[in-house]
Every structure is written in C-alpha cells, then in structure tokens.
Amino acid sequence: MSALIQQLPALIGVVIGALGSYLAVLRSDQARDRRERVARWEERRLTVYADYARTLKKSVTLAYRVAAHLGNDPHPHPLTPEEAEPLLAEATVARDPSGEALLLLGSPRVVEKARVWVVTLMDMERFLRDGRRDPEAWQVLLERQRAGREGYYAAVREDLALPPGHSARWPLPSA
C-alpha cells in the first residue's frame, strides 16, 4: 500500500497533465473551427455582394444604352426601348434572387446602401420608361447612381475589413 501512496502524486500529475492537454487541444480545435467558419461566411458574403453588384450594373449599363438612344447619354452603343425591354426585364428578374441573398447574408449597413443604389436605378428606369429627353436631369440621376454604387462598395469593404478601393470616378473623354 505504501508503494501506491508513493506513486499517487506522480499518477495524479499524469492524469492532470493528460486532462490539461486534452482541454488545450479541444480549445485549439474550437478556435480553429470558429476561424474557418468565419472565413467561409466572409467568402459567401463577398460572393453575394459581388453578385448583387453585377446584377445591378447590368441594369445600369442597359439604362445607359437606352438613355443614349433618347439623346441623354453619350454611350457609344445606343439601344431602343423596344430592343431593351426584354433585356431590362431579364436583368430585373435576376436582381430578385441576388437581392434575397443579400438580405439573408448582408450586414444591415450594406443592405441599406444597396437599397439606396437600387432605388436610384429604379428612378433611372422610370425616367427612361417615360421617354424623357433631358440630359441635365439624366446627369443628376447618373451622379446619384454613382454615389449609390460608391456607398455600396465602401460599406462592403468596411463589412469585410478590406482596404479602401478606387472610387471608379475618372474623367471620360467627351462624346
């Protein structure tokens, strides 16, 4: 019995050491899993943010082309409203699923900035459906759209902790 009592402190030390090692490995695995999960969600959010921007930009480009046909924009490839109608309808339908994904995964600030951008796009589309020929009013809408896009991208960069990016505002040659 005295041999067991002499070995008991060493045995307790081994058990405590094994338990400590187990807990350390467990905590390390949990931290790694948490980091990996955060990275996966950030990748998914980046994909959702980029997809939403791409769908809006498609509609914006079509609006530029229709505006060029009406004499409001210098876009080099004008498109009649009749030719644009099915393309605009397709682009609008494509916005719905990407918008829902944005609502599901986007931060509140990014979703709000996306709303500002898409509402401006909807104003541009209404302007064109009305057949307005007013280059000055169109320029106001273009500036609002560019500011909306810039605000959206800034919110995305902030949400994903990305460095500041380019504003995409550079002077274009006159048409």
Protein backbone atom coordinates (compact mmCIF):
# COMPACT_ATOMS: atom_id res chain seq x y z
CA MET A 1 0.00 0.00 0.00
CA SER A 2 2.82 2.40 0.80
CA ALA A 3 4.21 1.91 -2.75
CA LEU A 4 0.84 3.01 -4.16
CA ILE A 5 0.78 6.06 -1.90
CA GLN A 6 4.31 6.94 -3.01
CA GLN A 7 3.30 6.69 -6.67
CA LEU A 8 -0.03 8.53 -6.18
CA PRO A 9 1.36 12.08 -6.65
CA ALA A 10 3.00 11.05 -9.94
CA LEU A 11 -0.17 9.31 -11.06
CA ILE A 12 -2.26 12.39 -10.19
CA GLY A 13 0.25 14.54 -12.09
CA VAL A 14 -0.10 12.33 -15.19
CA VAL A 15 -3.91 12.49 -15.02
CA ILE A 16 -3.86 16.28 -14.58
CA GLY A 17 -1.36 16.63 -17.43
CA ALA A 18 -3.44 14.45 -19.73
CA LEU A 19 -6.60 16.36 -18.85
CA GLY A 20 -4.81 19.68 -19.42
CA SER A 21 -3.50 18.51 -22.80
CA TYR A 22 -6.97 17.34 -23.80
CA LEU A 23 -8.53 20.68 -22.84
CA ALA A 24 -5.81 22.63 -24.66
CA VAL A 25 -6.31 20.60 -27.86
CA LEU A 26 -10.09 20.95 -27.53
CA ARG A 27 -9.90 24.75 -27.18
CA SER A 28 -7.43 24.97 -30.06
CA ASP A 29 -9.74 22.94 -32.31
CA GLN A 30 -12.73 25.07 -31.33
CA ALA A 31 -10.82 28.27 -32.11
CA ARG A 32 -9.67 26.88 -35.47
CA ASP A 33 -13.23 25.79 -36.33
CA ARG A 34 -14.54 29.25 -35.40
CA ARG A 35 -11.90 30.94 -37.61
CA GLU A 36 -12.69 28.63 -40.52
CA ARG A 37 -16.43 29.21 -40.14
CA VAL A 38 -15.93 32.99 -40.12
CA ALA A 39 -13.71 32.75 -43.21
CA ARG A 40 -16.32 30.64 -45.04
CA TRP A 41 -19.10 33.11 -44.25
CA GLU A 42 -16.92 36.03 -45.34
CA GLU A 43 -16.29 34.28 -48.65
CA ARG A 44 -20.00 33.68 -49.07
CA ARG A 45 -20.84 37.29 -48.23
CA LEU A 46 -18.21 38.53 -50.70
CA THR A 47 -19.78 36.34 -53.40
CA VAL A 48 -23.27 37.62 -52.57
CA TYR A 49 -22.07 41.23 -52.53
CA ALA A 50 -20.30 40.84 -55.88
CA ASP A 51 -23.27 39.04 -57.48
CA TYR A 52 -25.64 41.79 -56.36
CA ALA A 53 -23.35 44.49 -57.73
CA ARG A 54 -23.04 42.61 -61.02
CA THR A 55 -26.82 42.31 -61.44
CA LEU A 56 -27.34 46.00 -60.71
CA LYS A 57 -24.50 47.02 -63.02
CA LYS A 58 -26.10 45.04 -65.86
CA SER A 59 -29.30 47.06 -65.42
CA VAL A 60 -27.32 50.30 -65.18
CA THR A 61 -25.48 49.57 -68.43
CA LEU A 62 -28.75 48.84 -70.21
CA ALA A 63 -30.15 52.12 -68.87
CA TYR A 64 -27.11 53.99 -70.23
CA ARG A 65 -27.72 52.46 -73.64
CA VAL A 66 -31.41 53.37 -73.72
CA ALA A 67 -30.58 56.86 -72.48
CA ALA A 68 -28.11 57.18 -75.36
CA HIS A 69 -30.90 56.34 -77.82
CA LEU A 70 -33.03 59.10 -76.26
CA GLY A 71 -30.13 61.58 -76.52
CA ASN A 72 -29.46 61.78 -72.77
CA ASP A 73 -26.19 59.83 -72.56
CA PRO A 74 -23.05 59.57 -74.71
CA HIS A 75 -22.91 55.75 -74.51
CA PRO A 76 -21.44 54.52 -77.82
CA HIS A 77 -23.94 51.66 -78.23
CA PRO A 78 -27.49 53.06 -78.07
CA LEU A 79 -30.39 50.69 -77.69
CA THR A 80 -34.01 51.44 -78.49
CA PRO A 81 -36.51 51.00 -75.66
CA GLU A 82 -38.19 48.23 -77.66
CA GLU A 83 -34.92 46.32 -78.06
CA ALA A 84 -34.03 46.92 -74.43
CA GLU A 85 -37.37 45.87 -72.95
CA PRO A 86 -36.71 42.08 -72.79
CA LEU A 87 -33.12 42.67 -71.64
CA LEU A 88 -34.28 45.03 -68.89
CA ALA A 89 -36.97 42.57 -67.81
CA GLU A 90 -34.39 39.79 -67.63
CA ALA A 91 -32.00 41.99 -65.63
CA THR A 92 -34.78 42.99 -63.25
CA VAL A 93 -35.77 39.37 -62.67
CA ALA A 94 -32.10 38.50 -61.99
CA ARG A 95 -31.99 41.16 -59.26
CA ASP A 96 -34.56 39.36 -57.10
CA PRO A 97 -32.56 36.24 -56.15
CA SER A 98 -29.36 38.21 -55.63
CA GLY A 99 -31.30 40.74 -53.56
CA GLU A 100 -32.74 37.98 -51.38
CA ALA A 101 -29.27 36.51 -50.84
CA LEU A 102 -28.07 39.99 -49.90
CA LEU A 103 -30.88 40.35 -47.35
CA LEU A 104 -30.01 36.96 -45.90
CA LEU A 105 -26.24 37.37 -45.59
CA GLY A 106 -25.56 41.10 -45.82
CA SER A 107 -24.82 43.37 -42.92
CA PRO A 108 -27.53 45.97 -42.17
CA ARG A 109 -25.29 48.81 -43.42
CA VAL A 110 -24.52 47.04 -46.71
CA VAL A 111 -28.21 46.23 -47.24
CA GLU A 112 -29.13 49.88 -46.63
CA LYS A 113 -26.51 51.11 -49.10
CA ALA A 114 -27.72 48.52 -51.63
CA ARG A 115 -31.25 49.87 -51.19
CA VAL A 116 -30.07 53.42 -51.94
CA TRP A 117 -28.32 52.22 -55.08
CA VAL A 118 -31.24 50.13 -56.40
CA VAL A 119 -33.81 52.86 -55.69
CA THR A 120 -31.75 55.24 -57.80
CA LEU A 121 -31.57 52.62 -60.55
CA MET A 122 -35.35 52.27 -60.39
CA ASP A 123 -35.64 56.07 -60.77
CA MET A 124 -33.38 55.84 -63.84
CA GLU A 125 -35.57 53.11 -65.32
CA ARG A 126 -38.73 55.16 -64.66
CA PHE A 127 -37.08 58.18 -66.35
CA LEU A 128 -36.41 56.05 -69.43
CA ARG A 129 -39.86 54.40 -69.49
CA ASP A 130 -41.35 57.89 -69.55
CA GLY A 131 -39.26 58.57 -72.68
CA ARG A 132 -37.81 61.74 -71.21
CA ARG A 133 -35.24 63.67 -73.21
CA ASP A 134 -33.50 65.76 -70.58
CA PRO A 135 -29.70 65.32 -70.47
CA GLU A 136 -29.33 67.56 -67.39
CA ALA A 137 -31.85 65.57 -65.35
CA TRP A 138 -30.19 62.36 -66.59
CA GLN A 139 -26.81 63.62 -65.35
CA VAL A 140 -28.32 64.19 -61.90
CA LEU A 141 -29.54 60.59 -61.89
CA LEU A 142 -26.13 59.38 -63.07
CA GLU A 143 -24.42 61.18 -60.20
CA ARG A 144 -26.88 59.69 -57.70
CA GLN A 145 -26.30 56.24 -59.17
CA ARG A 146 -22.52 56.63 -58.99
CA ALA A 147 -22.73 57.88 -55.41
CA GLY A 148 -25.02 54.95 -54.55
CA ARG A 149 -22.59 52.46 -56.08
CA GLU A 150 -19.65 54.09 -54.32
CA GLY A 151 -21.51 53.97 -50.98
CA TYR A 152 -22.37 50.30 -51.52
CA TYR A 153 -18.77 49.35 -52.28
CA ALA A 154 -17.48 51.33 -49.30
CA ALA A 155 -19.94 49.52 -47.00
CA VAL A 156 -18.91 46.14 -48.44
CA ARG A 157 -15.23 46.92 -47.93
CA GLU A 158 -15.90 48.01 -44.36
CA ASP A 159 -18.00 44.92 -43.62
CA LEU A 160 -15.33 42.56 -44.95
CA ALA A 161 -12.44 44.58 -43.48
CA LEU A 162 -10.97 45.20 -46.93
CA PRO A 163 -8.69 48.12 -47.67
CA PRO A 164 -10.22 51.19 -49.30
CA GLY A 165 -10.69 50.83 -53.03
CA HIS A 166 -10.89 53.06 -56.05
CA SER A 167 -13.96 55.27 -56.38
CA ALA A 168 -14.26 54.37 -60.09
CA ARG A 169 -14.71 58.04 -60.86
CA TRP A 170 -12.39 59.07 -63.63
CA PRO A 171 -12.88 61.63 -66.35
CA LEU A 172 -14.10 60.25 -69.63
CA PRO A 173 -13.49 61.92 -72.96
CA SER A 174 -16.43 63.90 -74.28
CA ALA A 175 -18.55 62.22 -76.92
